[in-house]
Each structure stands twice: as C-alpha cells, then as structure tokens.
All heavy atoms as atom14 arrays in JSON, in Angstrom:
{
  "sequence": "GAQGAITAHVVAYLSGWGWFVLFANGLYAMELFLRVEGAPAARFGL",
  "atom14_mask": [
    [1, 1, 1, 1, 0, 0, 0, 0, 0, 0, 0, 0, 0, 0],
    [1, 1, 1, 1, 1, 0, 0, 0, 0, 0, 0, 0, 0, 0],
    [1, 1, 1, 1, 1, 1, 1, 1, 1, 0, 0, 0, 0, 0],
    [1, 1, 1, 1, 0, 0, 0, 0, 0, 0, 0, 0, 0, 0],
    [1, 1, 1, 1, 1, 0, 0, 0, 0, 0, 0, 0, 0, 0],
    [1, 1, 1, 1, 1, 1, 1, 1, 0, 0, 0, 0, 0, 0],
    [1, 1, 1, 1, 1, 1, 1, 0, 0, 0, 0, 0, 0, 0],
    [1, 1, 1, 1, 1, 0, 0, 0, 0, 0, 0, 0, 0, 0],
    [1, 1, 1, 1, 1, 1, 1, 1, 1, 1, 0, 0, 0, 0],
    [1, 1, 1, 1, 1, 1, 1, 0, 0, 0, 0, 0, 0, 0],
    [1, 1, 1, 1, 1, 1, 1, 0, 0, 0, 0, 0, 0, 0],
    [1, 1, 1, 1, 1, 0, 0, 0, 0, 0, 0, 0, 0, 0],
    [1, 1, 1, 1, 1, 1, 1, 1, 1, 1, 1, 1, 0, 0],
    [1, 1, 1, 1, 1, 1, 1, 1, 0, 0, 0, 0, 0, 0],
    [1, 1, 1, 1, 1, 1, 0, 0, 0, 0, 0, 0, 0, 0],
    [1, 1, 1, 1, 0, 0, 0, 0, 0, 0, 0, 0, 0, 0],
    [1, 1, 1, 1, 1, 1, 1, 1, 1, 1, 1, 1, 1, 1],
    [1, 1, 1, 1, 0, 0, 0, 0, 0, 0, 0, 0, 0, 0],
    [1, 1, 1, 1, 1, 1, 1, 1, 1, 1, 1, 1, 1, 1],
    [1, 1, 1, 1, 1, 1, 1, 1, 1, 1, 1, 0, 0, 0],
    [1, 1, 1, 1, 1, 1, 1, 0, 0, 0, 0, 0, 0, 0],
    [1, 1, 1, 1, 1, 1, 1, 1, 0, 0, 0, 0, 0, 0],
    [1, 1, 1, 1, 1, 1, 1, 1, 1, 1, 1, 0, 0, 0],
    [1, 1, 1, 1, 1, 0, 0, 0, 0, 0, 0, 0, 0, 0],
    [1, 1, 1, 1, 1, 1, 1, 1, 0, 0, 0, 0, 0, 0],
    [1, 1, 1, 1, 0, 0, 0, 0, 0, 0, 0, 0, 0, 0],
    [1, 1, 1, 1, 1, 1, 1, 1, 0, 0, 0, 0, 0, 0],
    [1, 1, 1, 1, 1, 1, 1, 1, 1, 1, 1, 1, 0, 0],
    [1, 1, 1, 1, 1, 0, 0, 0, 0, 0, 0, 0, 0, 0],
    [1, 1, 1, 1, 1, 1, 1, 1, 0, 0, 0, 0, 0, 0],
    [1, 1, 1, 1, 1, 1, 1, 1, 1, 0, 0, 0, 0, 0],
    [1, 1, 1, 1, 1, 1, 1, 1, 0, 0, 0, 0, 0, 0],
    [1, 1, 1, 1, 1, 1, 1, 1, 1, 1, 1, 0, 0, 0],
    [1, 1, 1, 1, 1, 1, 1, 1, 0, 0, 0, 0, 0, 0],
    [1, 1, 1, 1, 1, 1, 1, 1, 1, 1, 1, 0, 0, 0],
    [1, 1, 1, 1, 1, 1, 1, 0, 0, 0, 0, 0, 0, 0],
    [1, 1, 1, 1, 1, 1, 1, 1, 1, 0, 0, 0, 0, 0],
    [1, 1, 1, 1, 0, 0, 0, 0, 0, 0, 0, 0, 0, 0],
    [1, 1, 1, 1, 1, 0, 0, 0, 0, 0, 0, 0, 0, 0],
    [1, 1, 1, 1, 1, 1, 1, 0, 0, 0, 0, 0, 0, 0],
    [1, 1, 1, 1, 1, 0, 0, 0, 0, 0, 0, 0, 0, 0],
    [1, 1, 1, 1, 1, 0, 0, 0, 0, 0, 0, 0, 0, 0],
    [1, 1, 1, 1, 1, 1, 1, 1, 1, 1, 1, 0, 0, 0],
    [1, 1, 1, 1, 1, 1, 1, 1, 1, 1, 1, 0, 0, 0],
    [1, 1, 1, 1, 0, 0, 0, 0, 0, 0, 0, 0, 0, 0],
    [1, 1, 1, 1, 1, 1, 1, 1, 0, 0, 0, 0, 0, 0]
  ],
  "atom14_positions": [
    [[13.51, 3.92, -16.69], [14.68, 3.33, -17.29], [14.54, 1.87, -17.72], [15.53, 1.24, -18.06], [0.0, 0.0, 0.0], [0.0, 0.0, 0.0], [0.0, 0.0, 0.0], [0.0, 0.0, 0.0], [0.0, 0.0, 0.0], [0.0, 0.0, 0.0], [0.0, 0.0, 0.0], [0.0, 0.0, 0.0], [0.0, 0.0, 0.0], [0.0, 0.0, 0.0]],
    [[13.33, 1.34, -17.69], [13.14, -0.08, -18.08], [13.38, -0.24, -19.6], [12.93, 0.62, -20.38], [11.72, -0.52, -17.68], [0.0, 0.0, 0.0], [0.0, 0.0, 0.0], [0.0, 0.0, 0.0], [0.0, 0.0, 0.0], [0.0, 0.0, 0.0], [0.0, 0.0, 0.0], [0.0, 0.0, 0.0], [0.0, 0.0, 0.0], [0.0, 0.0, 0.0]],
    [[14.03, -1.31, -19.93], [14.3, -1.6, -21.34], [14.07, -3.1, -21.61], [14.19, -3.95, -20.73], [15.75, -1.26, -21.71], [16.07, 0.21, -21.54], [17.54, 0.53, -21.86], [18.31, -0.41, -22.18], [17.92, 1.78, -21.82], [0.0, 0.0, 0.0], [0.0, 0.0, 0.0], [0.0, 0.0, 0.0], [0.0, 0.0, 0.0], [0.0, 0.0, 0.0]],
    [[13.75, -3.4, -22.86], [13.57, -4.78, -23.29], [12.55, -5.57, -22.5], [11.44, -5.04, -22.21], [0.0, 0.0, 0.0], [0.0, 0.0, 0.0], [0.0, 0.0, 0.0], [0.0, 0.0, 0.0], [0.0, 0.0, 0.0], [0.0, 0.0, 0.0], [0.0, 0.0, 0.0], [0.0, 0.0, 0.0], [0.0, 0.0, 0.0], [0.0, 0.0, 0.0]],
    [[12.92, -6.78, -22.07], [12.0, -7.66, -21.37], [11.58, -7.04, -20.01], [10.47, -7.32, -19.53], [12.65, -9.0, -21.17], [0.0, 0.0, 0.0], [0.0, 0.0, 0.0], [0.0, 0.0, 0.0], [0.0, 0.0, 0.0], [0.0, 0.0, 0.0], [0.0, 0.0, 0.0], [0.0, 0.0, 0.0], [0.0, 0.0, 0.0], [0.0, 0.0, 0.0]],
    [[12.45, -6.23, -19.43], [12.12, -5.64, -18.12], [10.92, -4.72, -18.23], [10.1, -4.63, -17.34], [13.33, -4.88, -17.55], [14.42, -5.88, -17.22], [12.94, -4.11, -16.27], [15.68, -5.25, -16.69], [0.0, 0.0, 0.0], [0.0, 0.0, 0.0], [0.0, 0.0, 0.0], [0.0, 0.0, 0.0], [0.0, 0.0, 0.0], [0.0, 0.0, 0.0]],
    [[10.75, -4.07, -19.38], [9.62, -3.17, -19.61], [8.31, -3.96, -19.44], [7.38, -3.46, -18.78], [9.68, -2.56, -21.01], [10.9, -1.8, -21.14], [8.48, -1.61, -21.24], [0.0, 0.0, 0.0], [0.0, 0.0, 0.0], [0.0, 0.0, 0.0], [0.0, 0.0, 0.0], [0.0, 0.0, 0.0], [0.0, 0.0, 0.0], [0.0, 0.0, 0.0]],
    [[8.24, -5.12, -20.0], [7.02, -5.9, -19.93], [6.72, -6.25, -18.45], [5.54, -6.27, -18.06], [7.13, -7.18, -20.75], [0.0, 0.0, 0.0], [0.0, 0.0, 0.0], [0.0, 0.0, 0.0], [0.0, 0.0, 0.0], [0.0, 0.0, 0.0], [0.0, 0.0, 0.0], [0.0, 0.0, 0.0], [0.0, 0.0, 0.0], [0.0, 0.0, 0.0]],
    [[7.75, -6.61, -17.7], [7.56, -6.94, -16.25], [7.06, -5.71, -15.48], [6.16, -5.83, -14.63], [8.87, -7.45, -15.64], [9.24, -8.78, -16.19], [8.43, -9.88, -16.16], [10.44, -9.24, -16.72], [9.03, -10.95, -16.65], [10.26, -10.58, -17.02], [0.0, 0.0, 0.0], [0.0, 0.0, 0.0], [0.0, 0.0, 0.0], [0.0, 0.0, 0.0]],
    [[7.68, -4.54, -15.75], [7.24, -3.35, -15.03], [5.84, -2.99, -15.33], [5.02, -2.66, -14.49], [8.19, -2.15, -15.37], [7.7, -0.87, -14.73], [9.61, -2.47, -14.9], [0.0, 0.0, 0.0], [0.0, 0.0, 0.0], [0.0, 0.0, 0.0], [0.0, 0.0, 0.0], [0.0, 0.0, 0.0], [0.0, 0.0, 0.0], [0.0, 0.0, 0.0]],
    [[5.47, -3.0, -16.66], [4.11, -2.69, -17.05], [3.08, -3.71, -16.48], [2.01, -3.32, -16.04], [4.0, -2.67, -18.61], [2.52, -2.56, -19.05], [4.81, -1.5, -19.16], [0.0, 0.0, 0.0], [0.0, 0.0, 0.0], [0.0, 0.0, 0.0], [0.0, 0.0, 0.0], [0.0, 0.0, 0.0], [0.0, 0.0, 0.0], [0.0, 0.0, 0.0]],
    [[3.49, -4.98, -16.45], [2.62, -5.97, -15.85], [2.37, -5.71, -14.35], [1.25, -5.86, -13.83], [3.21, -7.35, -16.01], [0.0, 0.0, 0.0], [0.0, 0.0, 0.0], [0.0, 0.0, 0.0], [0.0, 0.0, 0.0], [0.0, 0.0, 0.0], [0.0, 0.0, 0.0], [0.0, 0.0, 0.0], [0.0, 0.0, 0.0], [0.0, 0.0, 0.0]],
    [[3.44, -5.31, -13.65], [3.26, -5.01, -12.24], [2.36, -3.79, -12.04], [1.47, -3.82, -11.2], [4.65, -4.78, -11.58], [4.58, -4.79, -10.09], [4.83, -5.95, -9.36], [4.25, -3.62, -9.37], [4.76, -5.97, -7.95], [4.15, -3.64, -8.01], [4.4, -4.83, -7.28], [4.29, -4.83, -5.92], [0.0, 0.0, 0.0], [0.0, 0.0, 0.0]],
    [[2.65, -2.73, -12.78], [1.87, -1.51, -12.63], [0.4, -1.69, -13.02], [-0.48, -1.07, -12.47], [2.48, -0.38, -13.46], [3.86, 0.11, -13.03], [4.37, 1.21, -13.94], [3.83, 0.61, -11.57], [0.0, 0.0, 0.0], [0.0, 0.0, 0.0], [0.0, 0.0, 0.0], [0.0, 0.0, 0.0], [0.0, 0.0, 0.0], [0.0, 0.0, 0.0]],
    [[0.15, -2.61, -13.98], [-1.22, -2.85, -14.4], [-2.05, -3.52, -13.27], [-3.26, -3.29, -13.21], [-1.19, -3.82, -15.64], [-0.54, -3.19, -16.71], [0.0, 0.0, 0.0], [0.0, 0.0, 0.0], [0.0, 0.0, 0.0], [0.0, 0.0, 0.0], [0.0, 0.0, 0.0], [0.0, 0.0, 0.0], [0.0, 0.0, 0.0], [0.0, 0.0, 0.0]],
    [[-1.4, -4.26, -12.4], [-2.1, -4.83, -11.27], [-2.14, -3.91, -10.09], [-3.17, -3.7, -9.45], [0.0, 0.0, 0.0], [0.0, 0.0, 0.0], [0.0, 0.0, 0.0], [0.0, 0.0, 0.0], [0.0, 0.0, 0.0], [0.0, 0.0, 0.0], [0.0, 0.0, 0.0], [0.0, 0.0, 0.0], [0.0, 0.0, 0.0], [0.0, 0.0, 0.0]],
    [[-0.96, -3.34, -9.78], [-0.8, -2.52, -8.57], [-1.59, -1.21, -8.68], [-2.05, -0.69, -7.67], [0.68, -2.28, -8.3], [0.97, -1.49, -7.08], [0.88, -1.87, -5.77], [1.34, -0.11, -7.06], [1.24, -0.82, -4.93], [1.5, 0.25, -5.72], [1.58, 0.86, -8.04], [1.86, 1.51, -5.31], [1.95, 2.11, -7.64], [2.09, 2.47, -6.32]],
    [[-1.73, -0.69, -9.88], [-2.37, 0.6, -10.07], [-3.79, 0.65, -9.5], [-4.23, 1.72, -9.12], [0.0, 0.0, 0.0], [0.0, 0.0, 0.0], [0.0, 0.0, 0.0], [0.0, 0.0, 0.0], [0.0, 0.0, 0.0], [0.0, 0.0, 0.0], [0.0, 0.0, 0.0], [0.0, 0.0, 0.0], [0.0, 0.0, 0.0], [0.0, 0.0, 0.0]],
    [[-4.48, -0.43, -9.45], [-5.84, -0.46, -8.93], [-5.88, -0.28, -7.42], [-6.97, -0.05, -6.86], [-6.53, -1.74, -9.33], [-6.74, -1.93, -10.81], [-6.0, -2.63, -11.69], [-7.78, -1.27, -11.57], [-6.51, -2.49, -12.95], [-7.59, -1.69, -12.94], [-8.87, -0.43, -11.27], [-8.41, -1.29, -13.97], [-9.69, -0.01, -12.32], [-9.47, -0.43, -13.63]],
    [[-4.8, -0.44, -6.75], [-4.79, -0.5, -5.3], [-4.04, 0.69, -4.66], [-3.76, 0.64, -3.43], [-4.21, -1.82, -4.84], [-4.96, -2.99, -5.31], [-4.54, -3.7, -6.43], [-6.07, -3.47, -4.62], [-5.23, -4.79, -6.88], [-6.77, -4.58, -5.05], [-6.35, -5.25, -6.23], [0.0, 0.0, 0.0], [0.0, 0.0, 0.0], [0.0, 0.0, 0.0]],
    [[-3.67, 1.69, -5.44], [-2.88, 2.81, -4.85], [-3.67, 3.45, -3.68], [-3.09, 3.91, -2.7], [-2.55, 3.84, -5.93], [-1.82, 5.03, -5.33], [-1.71, 3.23, -7.03], [0.0, 0.0, 0.0], [0.0, 0.0, 0.0], [0.0, 0.0, 0.0], [0.0, 0.0, 0.0], [0.0, 0.0, 0.0], [0.0, 0.0, 0.0], [0.0, 0.0, 0.0]],
    [[-5.0, 3.52, -3.79], [-5.83, 4.11, -2.71], [-5.53, 3.39, -1.42], [-5.38, 4.08, -0.38], [-7.3, 3.96, -3.1], [-8.29, 4.24, -1.97], [-8.19, 5.67, -1.53], [-9.69, 3.92, -2.42], [0.0, 0.0, 0.0], [0.0, 0.0, 0.0], [0.0, 0.0, 0.0], [0.0, 0.0, 0.0], [0.0, 0.0, 0.0], [0.0, 0.0, 0.0]],
    [[-5.43, 2.08, -1.39], [-5.22, 1.38, -0.14], [-3.78, 1.5, 0.32], [-3.49, 1.52, 1.54], [-5.59, -0.1, -0.35], [-6.97, -0.28, -0.82], [-7.27, -0.57, -2.15], [-8.05, -0.1, 0.05], [-8.57, -0.7, -2.6], [-9.35, -0.22, -0.35], [-9.63, -0.55, -1.7], [0.0, 0.0, 0.0], [0.0, 0.0, 0.0], [0.0, 0.0, 0.0]],
    [[-2.82, 1.65, -0.6], [-1.44, 1.93, -0.23], [-1.35, 3.31, 0.4], [-0.59, 3.48, 1.37], [-0.52, 1.83, -1.48], [0.0, 0.0, 0.0], [0.0, 0.0, 0.0], [0.0, 0.0, 0.0], [0.0, 0.0, 0.0], [0.0, 0.0, 0.0], [0.0, 0.0, 0.0], [0.0, 0.0, 0.0], [0.0, 0.0, 0.0], [0.0, 0.0, 0.0]],
    [[-2.12, 4.28, -0.1], [-2.12, 5.61, 0.46], [-2.64, 5.62, 1.91], [-2.19, 6.4, 2.7], [-3.01, 6.54, -0.38], [-2.23, 7.31, -1.42], [-1.04, 7.06, -1.59], [-2.89, 8.22, -2.09], [0.0, 0.0, 0.0], [0.0, 0.0, 0.0], [0.0, 0.0, 0.0], [0.0, 0.0, 0.0], [0.0, 0.0, 0.0], [0.0, 0.0, 0.0]],
    [[-3.59, 4.74, 2.2], [-4.24, 4.82, 3.49], [-3.69, 3.84, 4.52], [-4.0, 4.01, 5.73], [0.0, 0.0, 0.0], [0.0, 0.0, 0.0], [0.0, 0.0, 0.0], [0.0, 0.0, 0.0], [0.0, 0.0, 0.0], [0.0, 0.0, 0.0], [0.0, 0.0, 0.0], [0.0, 0.0, 0.0], [0.0, 0.0, 0.0], [0.0, 0.0, 0.0]],
    [[-2.93, 2.87, 4.09], [-2.59, 1.74, 4.99], [-1.91, 2.19, 6.26], [-2.36, 1.94, 7.36], [-1.69, 0.77, 4.23], [-1.24, -0.47, 4.98], [-2.46, -1.31, 5.36], [-0.26, -1.26, 4.19], [0.0, 0.0, 0.0], [0.0, 0.0, 0.0], [0.0, 0.0, 0.0], [0.0, 0.0, 0.0], [0.0, 0.0, 0.0], [0.0, 0.0, 0.0]],
    [[-0.76, 2.89, 6.17], [0.01, 3.25, 7.36], [-0.66, 4.35, 8.15], [-0.58, 4.4, 9.35], [1.44, 3.62, 6.93], [2.13, 2.52, 6.17], [2.19, 2.52, 4.78], [2.64, 1.42, 6.84], [2.81, 1.51, 4.08], [3.23, 0.37, 6.17], [3.34, 0.44, 4.78], [3.91, -0.59, 4.1], [0.0, 0.0, 0.0], [0.0, 0.0, 0.0]],
    [[-1.35, 5.25, 7.42], [-2.07, 6.31, 8.07], [-3.15, 5.76, 8.99], [-3.34, 6.18, 10.13], [-2.67, 7.29, 7.06], [0.0, 0.0, 0.0], [0.0, 0.0, 0.0], [0.0, 0.0, 0.0], [0.0, 0.0, 0.0], [0.0, 0.0, 0.0], [0.0, 0.0, 0.0], [0.0, 0.0, 0.0], [0.0, 0.0, 0.0], [0.0, 0.0, 0.0]],
    [[-3.93, 4.76, 8.5], [-5.0, 4.21, 9.29], [-4.49, 3.57, 10.58], [-5.07, 3.67, 11.61], [-5.8, 3.19, 8.49], [-6.49, 3.71, 7.25], [-7.59, 5.15, 7.56], [-8.71, 4.38, 8.73], [0.0, 0.0, 0.0], [0.0, 0.0, 0.0], [0.0, 0.0, 0.0], [0.0, 0.0, 0.0], [0.0, 0.0, 0.0], [0.0, 0.0, 0.0]],
    [[-3.35, 2.91, 10.43], [-2.76, 2.26, 11.61], [-2.31, 3.3, 12.65], [-2.44, 3.12, 13.87], [-1.57, 1.39, 11.18], [-1.13, 0.37, 12.21], [-0.02, 0.9, 13.11], [0.68, 1.84, 12.67], [0.12, 0.4, 14.22], [0.0, 0.0, 0.0], [0.0, 0.0, 0.0], [0.0, 0.0, 0.0], [0.0, 0.0, 0.0], [0.0, 0.0, 0.0]],
    [[-1.77, 4.47, 12.21], [-1.39, 5.5, 13.11], [-2.58, 6.13, 13.77], [-2.54, 6.5, 14.99], [-0.58, 6.58, 12.35], [0.81, 6.15, 11.9], [1.35, 7.14, 10.88], [1.74, 6.05, 13.08], [0.0, 0.0, 0.0], [0.0, 0.0, 0.0], [0.0, 0.0, 0.0], [0.0, 0.0, 0.0], [0.0, 0.0, 0.0], [0.0, 0.0, 0.0]],
    [[-3.7, 6.28, 13.08], [-4.91, 6.86, 13.68], [-5.47, 5.96, 14.78], [-6.02, 6.41, 15.76], [-5.97, 7.13, 12.65], [-5.61, 8.15, 11.61], [-5.96, 8.01, 10.29], [-4.88, 9.29, 12.02], [-5.62, 8.97, 9.37], [-4.51, 10.24, 11.08], [-4.87, 10.09, 9.78], [0.0, 0.0, 0.0], [0.0, 0.0, 0.0], [0.0, 0.0, 0.0]],
    [[-5.31, 4.59, 14.61], [-5.78, 3.71, 15.65], [-4.98, 3.88, 16.94], [-5.52, 3.67, 18.02], [-5.65, 2.26, 15.14], [-6.7, 1.81, 14.1], [-6.38, 0.43, 13.6], [-8.11, 1.87, 14.67], [0.0, 0.0, 0.0], [0.0, 0.0, 0.0], [0.0, 0.0, 0.0], [0.0, 0.0, 0.0], [0.0, 0.0, 0.0], [0.0, 0.0, 0.0]],
    [[-3.72, 4.23, 16.83], [-2.91, 4.46, 18.05], [-3.49, 5.62, 18.83], [-3.39, 5.65, 20.1], [-1.46, 4.72, 17.68], [-0.82, 3.55, 16.97], [0.66, 3.81, 16.69], [1.25, 2.84, 15.8], [2.5, 2.82, 15.43], [3.33, 3.77, 15.86], [2.95, 1.9, 14.61], [0.0, 0.0, 0.0], [0.0, 0.0, 0.0], [0.0, 0.0, 0.0]],
    [[-4.01, 6.64, 18.13], [-4.57, 7.79, 18.82], [-5.84, 7.43, 19.57], [-6.14, 7.93, 20.65], [-4.83, 8.93, 17.83], [-5.45, 10.15, 18.54], [-3.54, 9.36, 17.13], [0.0, 0.0, 0.0], [0.0, 0.0, 0.0], [0.0, 0.0, 0.0], [0.0, 0.0, 0.0], [0.0, 0.0, 0.0], [0.0, 0.0, 0.0], [0.0, 0.0, 0.0]],
    [[-6.58, 6.49, 18.98], [-7.84, 6.06, 19.62], [-7.6, 5.42, 21.0], [-8.42, 5.52, 21.89], [-8.55, 5.07, 18.68], [-9.81, 4.44, 19.23], [-10.94, 5.39, 19.44], [-10.95, 6.44, 18.81], [-11.83, 5.11, 20.29], [0.0, 0.0, 0.0], [0.0, 0.0, 0.0], [0.0, 0.0, 0.0], [0.0, 0.0, 0.0], [0.0, 0.0, 0.0]],
    [[-6.48, 4.67, 21.14], [-6.19, 4.06, 22.41], [-5.53, 2.73, 22.27], [-5.36, 2.19, 21.12], [0.0, 0.0, 0.0], [0.0, 0.0, 0.0], [0.0, 0.0, 0.0], [0.0, 0.0, 0.0], [0.0, 0.0, 0.0], [0.0, 0.0, 0.0], [0.0, 0.0, 0.0], [0.0, 0.0, 0.0], [0.0, 0.0, 0.0], [0.0, 0.0, 0.0]],
    [[-5.12, 2.12, 23.4], [-4.39, 0.87, 23.37], [-5.13, -0.3, 22.71], [-4.58, -1.01, 21.91], [-3.96, 0.49, 24.76], [0.0, 0.0, 0.0], [0.0, 0.0, 0.0], [0.0, 0.0, 0.0], [0.0, 0.0, 0.0], [0.0, 0.0, 0.0], [0.0, 0.0, 0.0], [0.0, 0.0, 0.0], [0.0, 0.0, 0.0], [0.0, 0.0, 0.0]],
    [[-6.44, -0.52, 23.04], [-7.16, -1.61, 22.34], [-7.19, -1.45, 20.84], [-7.06, -2.41, 20.07], [-8.57, -1.56, 22.96], [-8.38, -0.87, 24.27], [-7.27, 0.11, 24.04], [0.0, 0.0, 0.0], [0.0, 0.0, 0.0], [0.0, 0.0, 0.0], [0.0, 0.0, 0.0], [0.0, 0.0, 0.0], [0.0, 0.0, 0.0], [0.0, 0.0, 0.0]],
    [[-7.41, -0.2, 20.36], [-7.44, 0.07, 18.94], [-6.06, -0.15, 18.31], [-5.94, -0.67, 17.2], [-7.9, 1.51, 18.69], [0.0, 0.0, 0.0], [0.0, 0.0, 0.0], [0.0, 0.0, 0.0], [0.0, 0.0, 0.0], [0.0, 0.0, 0.0], [0.0, 0.0, 0.0], [0.0, 0.0, 0.0], [0.0, 0.0, 0.0], [0.0, 0.0, 0.0]],
    [[-5.04, 0.23, 19.06], [-3.65, 0.03, 18.52], [-3.34, -1.46, 18.38], [-2.75, -1.88, 17.38], [-2.64, 0.68, 19.48], [0.0, 0.0, 0.0], [0.0, 0.0, 0.0], [0.0, 0.0, 0.0], [0.0, 0.0, 0.0], [0.0, 0.0, 0.0], [0.0, 0.0, 0.0], [0.0, 0.0, 0.0], [0.0, 0.0, 0.0], [0.0, 0.0, 0.0]],
    [[-3.79, -2.3, 19.33], [-3.65, -3.73, 19.19], [-4.42, -4.26, 17.99], [-3.94, -5.13, 17.25], [-4.08, -4.46, 20.47], [-3.11, -4.33, 21.62], [-3.45, -5.31, 22.75], [-4.74, -4.98, 23.34], [-4.89, -4.17, 24.36], [-3.82, -3.53, 24.88], [-6.07, -3.94, 24.9], [0.0, 0.0, 0.0], [0.0, 0.0, 0.0], [0.0, 0.0, 0.0]],
    [[-5.62, -3.72, 17.76], [-6.41, -4.1, 16.61], [-5.64, -3.79, 15.32], [-5.63, -4.55, 14.37], [-7.74, -3.4, 16.59], [-8.67, -3.81, 15.51], [-9.53, -4.87, 15.66], [-8.64, -3.13, 14.28], [-10.38, -5.24, 14.63], [-9.49, -3.51, 13.25], [-10.35, -4.59, 13.39], [0.0, 0.0, 0.0], [0.0, 0.0, 0.0], [0.0, 0.0, 0.0]],
    [[-5.0, -2.61, 15.29], [-4.2, -2.23, 14.12], [-3.04, -3.19, 13.89], [-2.72, -3.55, 12.73], [0.0, 0.0, 0.0], [0.0, 0.0, 0.0], [0.0, 0.0, 0.0], [0.0, 0.0, 0.0], [0.0, 0.0, 0.0], [0.0, 0.0, 0.0], [0.0, 0.0, 0.0], [0.0, 0.0, 0.0], [0.0, 0.0, 0.0], [0.0, 0.0, 0.0]],
    [[-2.43, -3.64, 14.96], [-1.34, -4.64, 14.85], [-1.86, -5.92, 14.19], [-1.25, -6.47, 13.27], [-0.76, -4.88, 16.22], [0.28, -6.04, 16.28], [1.52, -5.75, 15.46], [0.66, -6.32, 17.74], [0.0, 0.0, 0.0], [0.0, 0.0, 0.0], [0.0, 0.0, 0.0], [0.0, 0.0, 0.0], [0.0, 0.0, 0.0], [0.0, 0.0, 0.0]]
  ]
}
C-alpha cells in the first residue's frame, strides 16, 4: 500500500534489508538451540 514518497522509502529499506533475510531467519532459532546445549551456551547466546 505504499504511495508517493513512502514508496521510495520502502524500496530503499528493502534494498538493504533483502541481503540479510538469511540472518533474520536464523537469529532467534540459533539462540533457542544454544539453550538446549546447556546453561553456559545459553549465557553465550544472551
């Protein structure tokens, strides 16, 4: 639903953020896996 000047801002954001979706996909999952490893790993995740 972006229109006018907002379109340029949205496209500018997606042009930068699009390269990092892989890390957004893995970020919270990796932290949860560290909790399974044990307390020291969970602290490392924090």
